[in-house]
Amino acid sequence: MTARRSADQIHAALSAQIVSGQLRPGDPLGESALAGLFALSRTPVREALQRLAAEGLVERGPRRAFVVRRMTPEALRDLFEALGEIEALCAGLAAQRMTAIARAELAQIIDHDSGDHAGYAVLNARFHDALRLGAGNQVLAGMLEDLNRRSMPWRNAQFQTSARRMESSRREHRAILQAIVAQDGDRAASLMRDHMATSLAVVLQMIRTRG
């Protein structure tokens, strides 16, 4: 297993535990302890922790050691508000700029059978990536890349709450697609804003439920 693949494995495991609440705010994330837990060297552990820090899931605690960061509802609202506005801009531009072939490919993503929540999370990311590329604006794409990195663990977690969220998300995607096919940029942007607001509501409810 390569160092990068090992870091990916550790990152995926820790982010899932943090977002689900298995790892609580303030819990220590020592490099040596994690290396022993995953039976890997400290190098991929360090890389995974640095990625988690960039995403805002962990922070430096006493003696510069990493600890799980407490993500407040206010911080999540700020994150999703910014994300929703950039996603809305991209959707609006994509409605004007996507080719017929690109729109057909977008429809195929929605129609694909995702299977479980993990599979749908992948399709969800592909749908949003297609709109980001379809917008044809590198500045917005760069801004969205950073926001995606910080929000993706939370966005993926929402699909674990229930199958209903997967279905409602798919319906929202279809409505956005219809606006894009109609080349209605204003409606595509408005629907995307609503879509991200719904995602935030699911995430906040998930946090409240776990206490």
C-alpha atoms as a PDB file:
ATOM      1  CA  MET A   1       0.000   0.000   0.000  1.00  0.00           C
ATOM      2  CA  THR A   2       1.447   3.392  -1.015  1.00  0.00           C
ATOM      3  CA  ALA A   3       1.864   6.247   1.459  1.00  0.00           C
ATOM      4  CA  ARG A   4      -0.815   8.248  -0.376  1.00  0.00           C
ATOM      5  CA  ARG A   5      -3.293   5.377  -0.290  1.00  0.00           C
ATOM      6  CA  SER A   6      -2.522   4.833   3.392  1.00  0.00           C
ATOM      7  CA  ALA A   7      -3.127   8.523   4.103  1.00  0.00           C
ATOM      8  CA  ASP A   8      -6.422   8.340   2.186  1.00  0.00           C
ATOM      9  CA  GLN A   9      -7.478   5.348   4.295  1.00  0.00           C
ATOM     10  CA  ILE A  10      -6.685   7.114   7.565  1.00  0.00           C
ATOM     11  CA  HIS A  11      -8.322  10.346   6.414  1.00  0.00           C
ATOM     12  CA  ALA A  12     -11.531   8.575   5.392  1.00  0.00           C
ATOM     13  CA  ALA A  13     -11.751   6.649   8.668  1.00  0.00           C
ATOM     14  CA  LEU A  14     -11.081   9.644  10.906  1.00  0.00           C
ATOM     15  CA  SER A  15     -13.342  12.063   9.030  1.00  0.00           C
ATOM     16  CA  ALA A  16     -16.217   9.573   9.218  1.00  0.00           C
ATOM     17  CA  GLN A  17     -15.686   9.110  12.969  1.00  0.00           C
ATOM     18  CA  ILE A  18     -15.488  12.862  13.586  1.00  0.00           C
ATOM     19  CA  VAL A  19     -18.605  13.751  11.603  1.00  0.00           C
ATOM     20  CA  SER A  20     -20.605  10.857  13.092  1.00  0.00           C
ATOM     21  CA  GLY A  21     -19.640  11.871  16.618  1.00  0.00           C
ATOM     22  CA  GLN A  22     -17.605   8.755  17.444  1.00  0.00           C
ATOM     23  CA  LEU A  23     -14.662  11.088  17.959  1.00  0.00           C
ATOM     24  CA  ARG A  24     -15.726  14.011  20.121  1.00  0.00           C
ATOM     25  CA  PRO A  25     -14.493  17.620  20.179  1.00  0.00           C
ATOM     26  CA  GLY A  26     -11.248  17.817  22.115  1.00  0.00           C
ATOM     27  CA  ASP A  27     -10.351  14.140  21.661  1.00  0.00           C
ATOM     28  CA  PRO A  28      -6.589  13.824  21.089  1.00  0.00           C
ATOM     29  CA  LEU A  29      -5.248  12.518  17.794  1.00  0.00           C
ATOM     30  CA  GLY A  30      -1.670  11.570  18.551  1.00  0.00           C
ATOM     31  CA  GLU A  31       0.447  10.507  15.607  1.00  0.00           C
ATOM     32  CA  SER A  32       2.051   7.583  17.449  1.00  0.00           C
ATOM     33  CA  ALA A  33      -1.248   6.250  18.776  1.00  0.00           C
ATOM     34  CA  LEU A  34      -2.899   6.472  15.356  1.00  0.00           C
ATOM     35  CA  ALA A  35       0.076   4.870  13.642  1.00  0.00           C
ATOM     36  CA  GLY A  36      -0.255   1.944  16.026  1.00  0.00           C
ATOM     37  CA  LEU A  37      -4.023   1.765  15.550  1.00  0.00           C
ATOM     38  CA  PHE A  38      -3.756   1.621  11.761  1.00  0.00           C
ATOM     39  CA  ALA A  39      -0.538  -0.424  11.794  1.00  0.00           C
ATOM     40  CA  LEU A  40       1.137   2.166   9.579  1.00  0.00           C
ATOM     41  CA  SER A  41       4.042   4.573   9.848  1.00  0.00           C
ATOM     42  CA  ARG A  42       3.630   8.105  11.158  1.00  0.00           C
ATOM     43  CA  THR A  43       4.133   9.664   7.702  1.00  0.00           C
ATOM     44  CA  PRO A  44       0.665   8.851   6.270  1.00  0.00           C
ATOM     45  CA  VAL A  45      -0.877   9.652   9.673  1.00  0.00           C
ATOM     46  CA  ARG A  46       0.719  13.098   9.588  1.00  0.00           C
ATOM     47  CA  GLU A  47      -0.501  13.692   6.024  1.00  0.00           C
ATOM     48  CA  ALA A  48      -4.056  12.639   6.933  1.00  0.00           C
ATOM     49  CA  LEU A  49      -4.100  14.928   9.975  1.00  0.00           C
ATOM     50  CA  GLN A  50      -2.877  17.877   7.925  1.00  0.00           C
ATOM     51  CA  ARG A  51      -5.675  17.280   5.424  1.00  0.00           C
ATOM     52  CA  LEU A  52      -8.223  17.115   8.235  1.00  0.00           C
ATOM     53  CA  ALA A  53      -6.856  20.397   9.590  1.00  0.00           C
ATOM     54  CA  ALA A  54      -7.269  22.015   6.163  1.00  0.00           C
ATOM     55  CA  GLU A  55     -10.897  20.836   6.172  1.00  0.00           C
ATOM     56  CA  GLY A  56     -11.481  22.318   9.623  1.00  0.00           C
ATOM     57  CA  LEU A  57     -12.187  18.980  11.304  1.00  0.00           C
ATOM     58  CA  VAL A  58      -9.153  19.035  13.591  1.00  0.00           C
ATOM     59  CA  GLU A  59      -6.979  21.749  15.109  1.00  0.00           C
ATOM     60  CA  ARG A  60      -3.797  22.150  17.102  1.00  0.00           C
ATOM     61  CA  GLY A  61      -4.295  21.711  20.805  1.00  0.00           C
ATOM     62  CA  PRO A  62      -1.924  21.818  23.788  1.00  0.00           C
ATOM     63  CA  ARG A  63       1.718  21.201  22.870  1.00  0.00           C
ATOM     64  CA  ARG A  64       0.774  21.549  19.184  1.00  0.00           C
ATOM     65  CA  ALA A  65      -0.825  18.091  19.108  1.00  0.00           C
ATOM     66  CA  PHE A  66      -3.932  17.643  16.959  1.00  0.00           C
ATOM     67  CA  VAL A  67      -7.340  17.370  18.599  1.00  0.00           C
ATOM     68  CA  VAL A  68     -10.855  17.070  17.180  1.00  0.00           C
ATOM     69  CA  ARG A  69     -12.272  20.516  16.513  1.00  0.00           C
ATOM     70  CA  ARG A  70     -15.741  21.491  17.688  1.00  0.00           C
ATOM     71  CA  MET A  71     -17.759  22.562  14.641  1.00  0.00           C
ATOM     72  CA  THR A  72     -20.540  24.843  15.841  1.00  0.00           C
ATOM     73  CA  PRO A  73     -23.888  25.214  14.052  1.00  0.00           C
ATOM     74  CA  GLU A  74     -22.911  28.825  13.327  1.00  0.00           C
ATOM     75  CA  ALA A  75     -19.688  27.745  11.619  1.00  0.00           C
ATOM     76  CA  LEU A  76     -21.551  25.179   9.549  1.00  0.00           C
ATOM     77  CA  ARG A  77     -24.133  27.787   8.531  1.00  0.00           C
ATOM     78  CA  ASP A  78     -21.383  30.131   7.407  1.00  0.00           C
ATOM     79  CA  LEU A  79     -19.709  27.350   5.449  1.00  0.00           C
ATOM     80  CA  PHE A  80     -22.882  26.170   3.722  1.00  0.00           C
ATOM     81  CA  GLU A  81     -24.046  29.722   3.025  1.00  0.00           C
ATOM     82  CA  ALA A  82     -20.810  30.476   1.187  1.00  0.00           C
ATOM     83  CA  LEU A  83     -20.936  27.105  -0.529  1.00  0.00           C
ATOM     84  CA  GLY A  84     -24.549  27.621  -1.610  1.00  0.00           C
ATOM     85  CA  GLU A  85     -23.817  31.000  -3.178  1.00  0.00           C
ATOM     86  CA  ILE A  86     -20.836  29.742  -5.192  1.00  0.00           C
ATOM     87  CA  GLU A  87     -22.691  26.578  -6.215  1.00  0.00           C
ATOM     88  CA  ALA A  88     -25.640  28.758  -7.282  1.00  0.00           C
ATOM     89  CA  LEU A  89     -23.394  30.951  -9.424  1.00  0.00           C
ATOM     90  CA  CYS A  90     -21.930  27.864 -11.074  1.00  0.00           C
ATOM     91  CA  ALA A  91     -25.371  26.376 -11.718  1.00  0.00           C
ATOM     92  CA  GLY A  92     -26.578  29.639 -13.243  1.00  0.00           C
ATOM     93  CA  LEU A  93     -23.585  29.871 -15.557  1.00  0.00           C
ATOM     94  CA  ALA A  94     -23.781  26.181 -16.422  1.00  0.00           C
ATOM     95  CA  ALA A  95     -27.375  26.684 -17.573  1.00  0.00           C
ATOM     96  CA  GLN A  96     -26.090  29.190 -20.108  1.00  0.00           C
ATOM     97  CA  ARG A  97     -22.834  27.508 -21.103  1.00  0.00           C
ATOM     98  CA  MET A  98     -23.179  23.719 -20.957  1.00  0.00           C
ATOM     99  CA  THR A  99     -23.346  21.995 -24.320  1.00  0.00           C
ATOM    100  CA  ALA A 100     -26.092  19.545 -25.226  1.00  0.00           C
ATOM    101  CA  ILE A 101     -23.617  16.692 -24.718  1.00  0.00           C
ATOM    102  CA  ALA A 102     -22.662  17.975 -21.262  1.00  0.00           C
ATOM    103  CA  ARG A 103     -26.334  18.267 -20.290  1.00  0.00           C
ATOM    104  CA  ALA A 104     -26.930  14.687 -21.439  1.00  0.00           C
ATOM    105  CA  GLU A 105     -23.988  13.509 -19.341  1.00  0.00           C
ATOM    106  CA  LEU A 106     -25.430  15.361 -16.360  1.00  0.00           C
ATOM    107  CA  ALA A 107     -28.711  13.508 -16.822  1.00  0.00           C
ATOM    108  CA  GLN A 108     -26.845  10.187 -16.937  1.00  0.00           C
ATOM    109  CA  ILE A 109     -25.259  10.917 -13.576  1.00  0.00           C
ATOM    110  CA  ILE A 110     -28.696  11.443 -12.029  1.00  0.00           C
ATOM    111  CA  ASP A 111     -30.135   8.313 -13.649  1.00  0.00           C
ATOM    112  CA  HIS A 112     -27.267   6.075 -12.528  1.00  0.00           C
ATOM    113  CA  ASP A 113     -28.166   3.500  -9.865  1.00  0.00           C
ATOM    114  CA  SER A 114     -26.118   4.546  -6.854  1.00  0.00           C
ATOM    115  CA  GLY A 115     -26.762   1.613  -4.532  1.00  0.00           C
ATOM    116  CA  ASP A 116     -26.010   2.529  -0.911  1.00  0.00           C
ATOM    117  CA  HIS A 117     -25.357   5.905   0.669  1.00  0.00           C
ATOM    118  CA  ALA A 118     -21.629   5.725  -0.091  1.00  0.00           C
ATOM    119  CA  GLY A 119     -22.374   5.186  -3.766  1.00  0.00           C
ATOM    120  CA  TYR A 120     -24.792   8.077  -3.813  1.00  0.00           C
ATOM    121  CA  ALA A 121     -22.232  10.353  -2.162  1.00  0.00           C
ATOM    122  CA  VAL A 122     -19.918   9.654  -5.108  1.00  0.00           C
ATOM    123  CA  LEU A 123     -22.673  10.434  -7.623  1.00  0.00           C
ATOM    124  CA  ASN A 124     -23.569  13.589  -5.721  1.00  0.00           C
ATOM    125  CA  ALA A 125     -19.983  14.800  -5.979  1.00  0.00           C
ATOM    126  CA  ARG A 126     -19.930  13.976  -9.705  1.00  0.00           C
ATOM    127  CA  PHE A 127     -23.133  15.968 -10.272  1.00  0.00           C
ATOM    128  CA  HIS A 128     -21.758  19.051  -8.543  1.00  0.00           C
ATOM    129  CA  ASP A 129     -18.376  18.667 -10.253  1.00  0.00           C
ATOM    130  CA  ALA A 130     -20.114  18.583 -13.635  1.00  0.00           C
ATOM    131  CA  LEU A 131     -21.830  21.874 -12.877  1.00  0.00           C
ATOM    132  CA  ARG A 132     -18.588  23.400 -11.654  1.00  0.00           C
ATOM    133  CA  LEU A 133     -16.887  22.474 -14.925  1.00  0.00           C
ATOM    134  CA  GLY A 134     -19.947  23.456 -16.940  1.00  0.00           C
ATOM    135  CA  ALA A 135     -19.827  26.968 -15.510  1.00  0.00           C
ATOM    136  CA  GLY A 136     -16.580  27.555 -17.371  1.00  0.00           C
ATOM    137  CA  ASN A 137     -15.137  29.946 -14.779  1.00  0.00           C
ATOM    138  CA  GLN A 138     -11.754  29.045 -13.294  1.00  0.00           C
ATOM    139  CA  VAL A 139     -11.955  31.582 -10.455  1.00  0.00           C
ATOM    140  CA  LEU A 140     -15.261  30.201  -9.228  1.00  0.00           C
ATOM    141  CA  ALA A 141     -13.962  26.659  -9.707  1.00  0.00           C
ATOM    142  CA  GLY A 142     -10.978  27.404  -7.467  1.00  0.00           C
ATOM    143  CA  MET A 143     -13.152  28.930  -4.767  1.00  0.00           C
ATOM    144  CA  LEU A 144     -15.503  25.970  -4.913  1.00  0.00           C
ATOM    145  CA  GLU A 145     -12.645  23.488  -4.681  1.00  0.00           C
ATOM    146  CA  ASP A 146     -11.649  24.924  -1.302  1.00  0.00           C
ATOM    147  CA  LEU A 147     -15.230  25.003  -0.007  1.00  0.00           C
ATOM    148  CA  ASN A 148     -15.788  21.437  -1.196  1.00  0.00           C
ATOM    149  CA  ARG A 149     -12.722  20.234   0.686  1.00  0.00           C
ATOM    150  CA  ARG A 150     -14.057  21.772   3.917  1.00  0.00           C
ATOM    151  CA  SER A 151     -17.691  20.696   3.494  1.00  0.00           C
ATOM    152  CA  MET A 152     -17.519  17.283   1.834  1.00  0.00           C
ATOM    153  CA  PRO A 153     -17.343  15.157   5.018  1.00  0.00           C
ATOM    154  CA  TRP A 154     -20.549  16.826   6.252  1.00  0.00           C
ATOM    155  CA  ARG A 155     -22.260  16.643   2.854  1.00  0.00           C
ATOM    156  CA  ASN A 156     -21.485  12.929   2.551  1.00  0.00           C
ATOM    157  CA  ALA A 157     -22.693  12.225   6.097  1.00  0.00           C
ATOM    158  CA  GLN A 158     -26.201  13.516   5.347  1.00  0.00           C
ATOM    159  CA  PHE A 159     -26.893  10.490   3.139  1.00  0.00           C
ATOM    160  CA  GLN A 160     -26.273   8.138   6.054  1.00  0.00           C
ATOM    161  CA  THR A 161     -29.236   9.571   7.966  1.00  0.00           C
ATOM    162  CA  SER A 162     -31.901   7.840   5.875  1.00  0.00           C
ATOM    163  CA  ALA A 163     -32.743   6.694   2.385  1.00  0.00           C
ATOM    164  CA  ARG A 164     -35.251   9.561   2.236  1.00  0.00           C
ATOM    165  CA  ARG A 165     -32.458  12.122   2.008  1.00  0.00           C
ATOM    166  CA  MET A 166     -30.923  10.286  -0.942  1.00  0.00           C
ATOM    167  CA  GLU A 167     -34.268  10.368  -2.745  1.00  0.00           C
ATOM    168  CA  SER A 168     -34.998  14.009  -1.953  1.00  0.00           C
ATOM    169  CA  SER A 169     -31.490  14.971  -3.086  1.00  0.00           C
ATOM    170  CA  ARG A 170     -32.018  13.132  -6.355  1.00  0.00           C
ATOM    171  CA  ARG A 171     -35.317  14.991  -6.897  1.00  0.00           C
ATOM    172  CA  GLU A 172     -33.571  18.296  -6.246  1.00  0.00           C
ATOM    173  CA  HIS A 173     -30.891  17.357  -8.766  1.00  0.00           C
ATOM    174  CA  ARG A 174     -33.558  16.576 -11.364  1.00  0.00           C
ATOM    175  CA  ALA A 175     -35.185  19.968 -10.847  1.00  0.00           C
ATOM    176  CA  ILE A 176     -31.820  21.684 -11.284  1.00  0.00           C
ATOM    177  CA  LEU A 177     -31.202  19.648 -14.433  1.00  0.00           C
ATOM    178  CA  GLN A 178     -34.567  20.711 -15.862  1.00  0.00           C
ATOM    179  CA  ALA A 179     -33.659  24.363 -15.316  1.00  0.00           C
ATOM    180  CA  ILE A 180     -30.304  23.833 -16.982  1.00  0.00           C
ATOM    181  CA  VAL A 181     -31.855  22.057 -19.985  1.00  0.00           C
ATOM    182  CA  ALA A 182     -34.255  25.010 -20.264  1.00  0.00           C
ATOM    183  CA  GLN A 183     -31.209  27.315 -20.048  1.00  0.00           C
ATOM    184  CA  ASP A 184     -32.905  29.137 -17.175  1.00  0.00           C
ATOM    185  CA  GLY A 185     -29.920  30.396 -15.208  1.00  0.00           C
ATOM    186  CA  ASP A 186     -31.929  32.250 -12.563  1.00  0.00           C
ATOM    187  CA  ARG A 187     -34.035  29.200 -11.735  1.00  0.00           C
ATOM    188  CA  ALA A 188     -31.014  26.873 -11.725  1.00  0.00           C
ATOM    189  CA  ALA A 189     -29.255  29.193  -9.273  1.00  0.00           C
ATOM    190  CA  SER A 190     -32.319  29.495  -7.030  1.00  0.00           C
ATOM    191  CA  LEU A 191     -32.851  25.736  -6.954  1.00  0.00           C
ATOM    192  CA  MET A 192     -29.197  25.138  -6.123  1.00  0.00           C
ATOM    193  CA  ARG A 193     -29.412  27.600  -3.236  1.00  0.00           C
ATOM    194  CA  ASP A 194     -32.443  25.710  -1.898  1.00  0.00           C
ATOM    195  CA  HIS A 195     -30.653  22.395  -2.412  1.00  0.00           C
ATOM    196  CA  MET A 196     -27.680  23.452  -0.298  1.00  0.00           C
ATOM    197  CA  ALA A 197     -29.956  24.943   2.375  1.00  0.00           C
ATOM    198  CA  THR A 198     -31.723  21.582   2.665  1.00  0.00           C
ATOM    199  CA  SER A 199     -28.380  19.813   2.993  1.00  0.00           C
ATOM    200  CA  LEU A 200     -27.427  22.154   5.825  1.00  0.00           C
ATOM    201  CA  ALA A 201     -30.739  21.500   7.592  1.00  0.00           C
ATOM    202  CA  VAL A 202     -30.113  17.734   7.447  1.00  0.00           C
ATOM    203  CA  VAL A 203     -26.578  18.127   8.797  1.00  0.00           C
ATOM    204  CA  LEU A 204     -27.719  20.369  11.672  1.00  0.00           C
ATOM    205  CA  GLN A 205     -30.473  17.899  12.572  1.00  0.00           C
ATOM    206  CA  MET A 206     -27.901  15.100  12.550  1.00  0.00           C
ATOM    207  CA  ILE A 207     -25.754  17.035  15.012  1.00  0.00           C
ATOM    208  CA  ARG A 208     -28.716  17.820  17.285  1.00  0.00           C
ATOM    209  CA  THR A 209     -29.794  14.174  17.295  1.00  0.00           C
ATOM    210  CA  ARG A 210     -26.477  12.840  18.406  1.00  0.00           C
ATOM    211  CA  GLY A 211     -26.297  15.392  21.254  1.00  0.00           C
END
